[in-house]
Amino acid sequence: MFRAVSIEEINQLSKNSLIEHLSIEFIEIGDDFMSATMPVNASTHQPMGYLHGGASIALAETLGSMASLLLIDPEKYSVFGISVSANHVNSKKEGLVTAFARPMNIGSKIHLWDIEIKDEKMNLISTVRLTNMVVEKR
């Protein structure tokens, strides 16, 4: 399903960006999913010391957008997130979260992703739905 590319190449694309600032790391590309991790620490906390919902959304949108990018020809097209909806169901103060993106619908112009963010024990932290638009480069 995904274009052949190594995890190292994907992580290299993240340099000098919000992705690097949040220490998001892509870890696996499967037949029908992609995953990435993000630490839960001072860089991703809200003022009360818990994982910030916005950081979770940034993780989800980063993962889903990269997954869409691996489904298109990046020489001809760009990918932009146009809608993101999240439900934060559990909190976390420290450690690591892992996001798993699976396609719900992949069209020629719209990609819809279901993304689950889980802790080290695979407890659900957030569930996110992301819609990406594929746009022809000018």
N, C-alpha and C. Protein backbone atom coordinates (compact mmCIF):
# COMPACT_ATOMS: atom_id res chain seq x y z
N MET A 1 0.82 -1.19 0.00
CA MET A 1 0.00 0.00 0.00
C MET A 1 0.87 1.27 0.00
N PHE A 2 1.86 1.31 0.90
CA PHE A 2 2.71 2.50 0.99
C PHE A 2 3.88 2.41 0.02
N ARG A 3 4.32 3.57 -0.44
CA ARG A 3 5.52 3.66 -1.27
C ARG A 3 6.71 3.17 -0.45
N ALA A 4 7.62 2.47 -1.08
CA ALA A 4 8.78 1.92 -0.38
C ALA A 4 9.71 3.04 0.06
N VAL A 5 9.89 3.15 1.36
CA VAL A 5 10.79 4.14 1.94
C VAL A 5 11.17 3.62 3.33
N SER A 6 12.36 3.92 3.77
CA SER A 6 12.81 3.44 5.07
C SER A 6 12.35 4.38 6.19
N ILE A 7 12.27 3.83 7.38
CA ILE A 7 11.94 4.63 8.57
C ILE A 7 12.99 5.73 8.75
N GLU A 8 14.25 5.42 8.47
CA GLU A 8 15.31 6.42 8.61
C GLU A 8 15.07 7.60 7.68
N GLU A 9 14.66 7.33 6.44
CA GLU A 9 14.37 8.41 5.49
C GLU A 9 13.20 9.27 5.97
N ILE A 10 12.18 8.63 6.51
CA ILE A 10 11.02 9.37 7.01
C ILE A 10 11.42 10.25 8.18
N ASN A 11 12.18 9.69 9.11
CA ASN A 11 12.62 10.48 10.26
C ASN A 11 13.54 11.63 9.84
N GLN A 12 14.32 11.43 8.80
CA GLN A 12 15.20 12.50 8.31
C GLN A 12 14.37 13.68 7.78
N LEU A 13 13.22 13.40 7.17
CA LEU A 13 12.33 14.47 6.67
C LEU A 13 11.83 15.37 7.80
N SER A 14 11.85 14.86 9.02
CA SER A 14 11.29 15.58 10.16
C SER A 14 12.25 16.59 10.80
N LYS A 15 13.47 16.61 10.35
CA LYS A 15 14.47 17.51 10.93
C LYS A 15 14.05 18.97 10.75
N ASN A 16 14.39 19.79 11.75
CA ASN A 16 14.14 21.23 11.72
C ASN A 16 12.65 21.56 11.55
N SER A 17 11.82 20.87 12.30
CA SER A 17 10.37 21.08 12.21
C SER A 17 9.74 20.87 13.59
N LEU A 18 8.44 21.10 13.66
CA LEU A 18 7.69 20.82 14.89
C LEU A 18 7.84 19.36 15.27
N ILE A 19 7.92 18.50 14.28
CA ILE A 19 8.05 17.06 14.52
C ILE A 19 9.31 16.79 15.35
N GLU A 20 10.42 17.38 14.97
CA GLU A 20 11.67 17.20 15.72
C GLU A 20 11.56 17.85 17.10
N HIS A 21 10.94 19.03 17.17
CA HIS A 21 10.80 19.74 18.45
C HIS A 21 10.02 18.90 19.46
N LEU A 22 9.00 18.17 19.00
CA LEU A 22 8.19 17.33 19.89
C LEU A 22 8.78 15.94 20.07
N SER A 23 9.93 15.68 19.44
CA SER A 23 10.63 14.38 19.50
C SER A 23 9.76 13.23 18.99
N ILE A 24 8.95 13.51 17.98
CA ILE A 24 8.14 12.47 17.35
C ILE A 24 9.08 11.63 16.49
N GLU A 25 8.94 10.31 16.62
CA GLU A 25 9.77 9.39 15.85
C GLU A 25 8.88 8.35 15.19
N PHE A 26 9.02 8.23 13.88
CA PHE A 26 8.30 7.18 13.15
C PHE A 26 9.00 5.87 13.43
N ILE A 27 8.20 4.81 13.71
CA ILE A 27 8.83 3.56 14.12
C ILE A 27 8.49 2.36 13.25
N GLU A 28 7.33 2.38 12.57
CA GLU A 28 6.97 1.19 11.80
C GLU A 28 6.01 1.54 10.67
N ILE A 29 6.21 0.84 9.55
CA ILE A 29 5.28 0.91 8.43
C ILE A 29 4.84 -0.53 8.16
N GLY A 30 3.55 -0.80 8.32
CA GLY A 30 3.01 -2.13 8.04
C GLY A 30 2.26 -2.13 6.73
N ASP A 31 1.61 -3.23 6.44
CA ASP A 31 0.83 -3.33 5.20
C ASP A 31 -0.32 -2.33 5.17
N ASP A 32 -0.96 -2.11 6.32
CA ASP A 32 -2.12 -1.22 6.35
C ASP A 32 -2.10 -0.27 7.54
N PHE A 33 -0.91 0.03 8.06
CA PHE A 33 -0.80 0.96 9.18
C PHE A 33 0.59 1.57 9.20
N MET A 34 0.68 2.65 9.96
CA MET A 34 1.96 3.30 10.21
C MET A 34 1.94 3.75 11.66
N SER A 35 3.09 3.76 12.33
CA SER A 35 3.11 4.17 13.73
C SER A 35 4.28 5.10 14.03
N ALA A 36 4.08 5.87 15.09
CA ALA A 36 5.10 6.83 15.55
C ALA A 36 4.96 7.00 17.05
N THR A 37 6.05 7.40 17.69
CA THR A 37 6.05 7.63 19.13
C THR A 37 6.32 9.09 19.45
N MET A 38 5.96 9.46 20.68
CA MET A 38 6.25 10.80 21.19
C MET A 38 6.41 10.68 22.71
N PRO A 39 7.45 11.29 23.26
CA PRO A 39 7.60 11.25 24.72
C PRO A 39 6.58 12.15 25.41
N VAL A 40 6.23 11.77 26.61
CA VAL A 40 5.39 12.61 27.46
C VAL A 40 6.32 13.21 28.49
N ASN A 41 6.64 14.50 28.31
CA ASN A 41 7.59 15.19 29.17
C ASN A 41 7.28 16.69 29.14
N ALA A 42 8.16 17.50 29.66
CA ALA A 42 7.91 18.95 29.73
C ALA A 42 7.61 19.57 28.37
N SER A 43 8.17 19.01 27.30
CA SER A 43 7.92 19.56 25.96
C SER A 43 6.52 19.29 25.45
N THR A 44 5.86 18.27 26.01
CA THR A 44 4.52 17.89 25.53
C THR A 44 3.45 18.03 26.60
N HIS A 45 3.82 18.58 27.76
CA HIS A 45 2.86 18.76 28.86
C HIS A 45 2.04 20.03 28.71
N GLN A 46 0.86 20.02 29.32
CA GLN A 46 0.11 21.25 29.57
C GLN A 46 0.52 21.74 30.96
N PRO A 47 0.09 22.92 31.40
CA PRO A 47 0.59 23.50 32.65
C PRO A 47 0.39 22.64 33.90
N MET A 48 -0.59 21.74 33.90
CA MET A 48 -0.81 20.90 35.08
C MET A 48 0.03 19.63 35.09
N GLY A 49 0.90 19.47 34.08
CA GLY A 49 1.83 18.35 34.06
C GLY A 49 1.34 17.11 33.34
N TYR A 50 0.23 17.22 32.62
CA TYR A 50 -0.30 16.09 31.85
C TYR A 50 -0.02 16.31 30.35
N LEU A 51 -0.09 15.22 29.60
CA LEU A 51 0.07 15.30 28.14
C LEU A 51 -0.95 16.30 27.58
N HIS A 52 -0.46 17.25 26.84
CA HIS A 52 -1.30 18.30 26.23
C HIS A 52 -2.09 17.70 25.07
N GLY A 53 -3.37 17.98 25.02
CA GLY A 53 -4.20 17.49 23.92
C GLY A 53 -3.70 17.96 22.57
N GLY A 54 -3.18 19.18 22.52
CA GLY A 54 -2.64 19.70 21.27
C GLY A 54 -1.41 18.93 20.80
N ALA A 55 -0.60 18.46 21.76
CA ALA A 55 0.56 17.65 21.39
C ALA A 55 0.10 16.31 20.82
N SER A 56 -0.95 15.75 21.42
CA SER A 56 -1.51 14.50 20.89
C SER A 56 -2.03 14.69 19.48
N ILE A 57 -2.70 15.81 19.24
CA ILE A 57 -3.21 16.10 17.90
C ILE A 57 -2.06 16.31 16.92
N ALA A 58 -1.01 16.98 17.37
CA ALA A 58 0.16 17.17 16.50
C ALA A 58 0.77 15.82 16.13
N LEU A 59 0.86 14.90 17.08
CA LEU A 59 1.36 13.56 16.80
C LEU A 59 0.47 12.87 15.77
N ALA A 60 -0.83 12.92 15.97
CA ALA A 60 -1.76 12.25 15.06
C ALA A 60 -1.70 12.85 13.66
N GLU A 61 -1.71 14.18 13.57
CA GLU A 61 -1.70 14.81 12.25
C GLU A 61 -0.36 14.57 11.54
N THR A 62 0.72 14.57 12.29
CA THR A 62 2.03 14.26 11.73
C THR A 62 2.03 12.86 11.12
N LEU A 63 1.54 11.90 11.87
CA LEU A 63 1.54 10.51 11.42
C LEU A 63 0.62 10.32 10.22
N GLY A 64 -0.61 10.82 10.31
CA GLY A 64 -1.56 10.65 9.20
C GLY A 64 -1.12 11.37 7.94
N SER A 65 -0.52 12.53 8.10
CA SER A 65 -0.05 13.27 6.92
C SER A 65 1.13 12.57 6.26
N MET A 66 2.03 12.02 7.07
CA MET A 66 3.15 11.28 6.49
C MET A 66 2.65 10.02 5.80
N ALA A 67 1.67 9.37 6.39
CA ALA A 67 1.09 8.18 5.75
C ALA A 67 0.49 8.54 4.39
N SER A 68 -0.24 9.65 4.33
CA SER A 68 -0.79 10.09 3.05
C SER A 68 0.32 10.40 2.05
N LEU A 69 1.38 11.02 2.53
CA LEU A 69 2.50 11.36 1.66
C LEU A 69 3.11 10.12 1.01
N LEU A 70 3.08 9.01 1.74
CA LEU A 70 3.64 7.76 1.22
C LEU A 70 2.70 7.06 0.24
N LEU A 71 1.52 7.62 0.03
CA LEU A 71 0.57 7.04 -0.92
C LEU A 71 0.49 7.82 -2.23
N ILE A 72 1.19 8.93 -2.31
CA ILE A 72 1.12 9.80 -3.48
C ILE A 72 2.49 9.97 -4.11
N ASP A 73 2.52 10.62 -5.26
CA ASP A 73 3.78 11.01 -5.89
C ASP A 73 4.12 12.41 -5.38
N PRO A 74 5.10 12.54 -4.48
CA PRO A 74 5.40 13.85 -3.88
C PRO A 74 6.00 14.85 -4.87
N GLU A 75 6.41 14.37 -6.04
CA GLU A 75 6.89 15.29 -7.07
C GLU A 75 5.73 16.05 -7.71
N LYS A 76 4.54 15.43 -7.72
CA LYS A 76 3.37 16.02 -8.38
C LYS A 76 2.33 16.58 -7.41
N TYR A 77 2.31 16.05 -6.17
CA TYR A 77 1.24 16.40 -5.24
C TYR A 77 1.80 16.77 -3.86
N SER A 78 0.99 17.54 -3.13
CA SER A 78 1.24 17.84 -1.72
C SER A 78 0.06 17.32 -0.92
N VAL A 79 0.27 17.14 0.38
CA VAL A 79 -0.79 16.68 1.28
C VAL A 79 -0.99 17.73 2.35
N PHE A 80 -2.24 18.08 2.61
CA PHE A 80 -2.58 19.04 3.66
C PHE A 80 -3.71 18.48 4.52
N GLY A 81 -3.54 18.56 5.85
CA GLY A 81 -4.63 18.20 6.75
C GLY A 81 -5.71 19.27 6.66
N ILE A 82 -6.96 18.85 6.46
CA ILE A 82 -8.06 19.82 6.36
C ILE A 82 -9.06 19.70 7.49
N SER A 83 -9.02 18.58 8.21
CA SER A 83 -9.93 18.42 9.34
C SER A 83 -9.32 17.41 10.31
N VAL A 84 -9.39 17.75 11.59
CA VAL A 84 -8.92 16.83 12.62
C VAL A 84 -9.90 16.91 13.80
N SER A 85 -10.27 15.75 14.29
CA SER A 85 -11.20 15.65 15.41
C SER A 85 -10.65 14.63 16.39
N ALA A 86 -10.57 15.02 17.67
CA ALA A 86 -9.96 14.14 18.65
C ALA A 86 -10.83 13.98 19.88
N ASN A 87 -10.74 12.81 20.49
CA ASN A 87 -11.32 12.54 21.80
C ASN A 87 -10.18 12.05 22.69
N HIS A 88 -9.95 12.77 23.77
CA HIS A 88 -8.91 12.41 24.72
C HIS A 88 -9.60 11.67 25.86
N VAL A 89 -9.32 10.37 26.00
CA VAL A 89 -10.08 9.53 26.92
C VAL A 89 -9.32 9.16 28.19
N ASN A 90 -8.00 9.29 28.17
CA ASN A 90 -7.18 9.03 29.36
C ASN A 90 -6.04 10.03 29.40
N SER A 91 -5.53 10.27 30.60
CA SER A 91 -4.42 11.21 30.76
C SER A 91 -3.13 10.45 30.97
N LYS A 92 -2.03 11.19 30.83
CA LYS A 92 -0.71 10.59 31.01
C LYS A 92 0.25 11.68 31.45
N LYS A 93 1.11 11.37 32.43
CA LYS A 93 2.05 12.36 32.97
C LYS A 93 3.48 12.17 32.49
N GLU A 94 3.86 10.94 32.17
CA GLU A 94 5.24 10.67 31.77
C GLU A 94 5.30 9.40 30.95
N GLY A 95 6.43 9.21 30.30
CA GLY A 95 6.61 7.99 29.52
C GLY A 95 6.59 8.26 28.03
N LEU A 96 5.91 7.38 27.32
CA LEU A 96 5.89 7.41 25.88
C LEU A 96 4.49 7.05 25.38
N VAL A 97 4.05 7.72 24.35
CA VAL A 97 2.81 7.32 23.68
C VAL A 97 3.15 6.91 22.25
N THR A 98 2.36 6.00 21.73
CA THR A 98 2.52 5.52 20.36
C THR A 98 1.21 5.72 19.63
N ALA A 99 1.31 6.28 18.44
CA ALA A 99 0.13 6.49 17.59
C ALA A 99 0.16 5.48 16.45
N PHE A 100 -1.02 4.97 16.12
CA PHE A 100 -1.20 4.01 15.04
C PHE A 100 -2.22 4.58 14.07
N ALA A 101 -1.82 4.79 12.82
CA ALA A 101 -2.71 5.32 11.79
C ALA A 101 -3.12 4.21 10.84
N ARG A 102 -4.44 4.10 10.63
CA ARG A 102 -4.97 3.14 9.67
C ARG A 102 -5.92 3.88 8.73
N PRO A 103 -5.87 3.56 7.44
CA PRO A 103 -6.75 4.26 6.51
C PRO A 103 -8.20 3.83 6.67
N MET A 104 -9.09 4.80 6.63
CA MET A 104 -10.53 4.51 6.60
C MET A 104 -11.04 4.59 5.17
N ASN A 105 -10.49 5.54 4.41
CA ASN A 105 -10.84 5.70 3.00
C ASN A 105 -9.72 6.46 2.30
N ILE A 106 -9.24 5.91 1.21
CA ILE A 106 -8.18 6.55 0.43
C ILE A 106 -8.73 6.79 -0.97
N GLY A 107 -9.03 8.06 -1.24
CA GLY A 107 -9.49 8.45 -2.57
C GLY A 107 -8.38 9.16 -3.31
N SER A 108 -8.69 9.64 -4.51
CA SER A 108 -7.67 10.33 -5.29
C SER A 108 -7.36 11.72 -4.73
N LYS A 109 -8.32 12.35 -4.05
CA LYS A 109 -8.12 13.70 -3.51
C LYS A 109 -8.27 13.79 -1.99
N ILE A 110 -8.96 12.84 -1.37
CA ILE A 110 -9.21 12.87 0.07
C ILE A 110 -8.77 11.55 0.70
N HIS A 111 -7.98 11.66 1.77
CA HIS A 111 -7.57 10.50 2.57
C HIS A 111 -8.15 10.67 3.97
N LEU A 112 -8.82 9.65 4.47
CA LEU A 112 -9.41 9.67 5.81
C LEU A 112 -8.69 8.63 6.66
N TRP A 113 -8.15 9.08 7.81
CA TRP A 113 -7.36 8.22 8.70
C TRP A 113 -7.99 8.08 10.07
N ASP A 114 -7.93 6.88 10.62
CA ASP A 114 -8.30 6.61 12.01
C ASP A 114 -6.99 6.42 12.76
N ILE A 115 -6.77 7.24 13.79
CA ILE A 115 -5.51 7.21 14.51
C ILE A 115 -5.79 7.01 16.00
N GLU A 116 -5.17 6.00 16.56
CA GLU A 116 -5.28 5.74 18.00
C GLU A 116 -3.93 6.02 18.64
N ILE A 117 -3.98 6.72 19.77
CA ILE A 117 -2.77 6.99 20.55
C ILE A 117 -2.88 6.18 21.83
N LYS A 118 -1.85 5.38 22.09
CA LYS A 118 -1.87 4.47 23.24
C LYS A 118 -0.61 4.64 24.08
N ASP A 119 -0.70 4.23 25.34
CA ASP A 119 0.47 4.27 26.22
C ASP A 119 1.26 2.97 26.12
N GLU A 120 2.25 2.81 26.95
CA GLU A 120 3.13 1.64 26.90
C GLU A 120 2.38 0.33 27.19
N LYS A 121 1.27 0.41 27.91
CA LYS A 121 0.48 -0.79 28.22
C LYS A 121 -0.67 -0.98 27.24
N MET A 122 -0.65 -0.19 26.16
CA MET A 122 -1.66 -0.23 25.10
C MET A 122 -3.03 0.26 25.57
N ASN A 123 -3.04 1.08 26.64
CA ASN A 123 -4.27 1.75 27.05
C ASN A 123 -4.52 2.92 26.10
N LEU A 124 -5.76 3.09 25.70
CA LEU A 124 -6.11 4.17 24.79
C LEU A 124 -6.00 5.52 25.49
N ILE A 125 -5.27 6.43 24.91
CA ILE A 125 -5.13 7.80 25.42
C ILE A 125 -6.04 8.73 24.62
N SER A 126 -5.95 8.66 23.30
CA SER A 126 -6.76 9.51 22.43
C SER A 126 -7.12 8.75 21.16
N THR A 127 -8.24 9.13 20.60
CA THR A 127 -8.61 8.63 19.28
C THR A 127 -8.84 9.84 18.39
N VAL A 128 -8.29 9.79 17.18
CA VAL A 128 -8.28 10.95 16.30
C VAL A 128 -8.74 10.53 14.91
N ARG A 129 -9.55 11.37 14.29
CA ARG A 129 -9.91 11.19 12.89
C ARG A 129 -9.31 12.36 12.12
N LEU A 130 -8.56 12.04 11.08
CA LEU A 130 -7.87 13.04 10.29
C LEU A 130 -8.29 12.92 8.84
N THR A 131 -8.60 14.08 8.24
CA THR A 131 -8.89 14.12 6.80
C THR A 131 -7.79 14.94 6.13
N ASN A 132 -7.16 14.35 5.13
CA ASN A 132 -6.13 15.03 4.35
C ASN A 132 -6.63 15.25 2.93
N MET A 133 -6.21 16.37 2.36
CA MET A 133 -6.51 16.66 0.96
C MET A 133 -5.22 16.54 0.17
N VAL A 134 -5.32 15.88 -0.99
CA VAL A 134 -4.20 15.76 -1.92
C VAL A 134 -4.37 16.86 -2.96
N VAL A 135 -3.34 17.70 -3.07
CA VAL A 135 -3.40 18.88 -3.94
C VAL A 135 -2.28 18.82 -4.97
N GLU A 136 -2.63 19.03 -6.21
CA GLU A 136 -1.62 19.03 -7.27
C GLU A 136 -0.73 20.26 -7.11
N LYS A 137 0.58 20.03 -7.22
CA LYS A 137 1.53 21.14 -7.13
C LYS A 137 1.44 22.01 -8.37
N ARG A 138 1.67 23.30 -8.22
CA ARG A 138 1.62 24.23 -9.35
C ARG A 138 3.00 24.57 -9.84
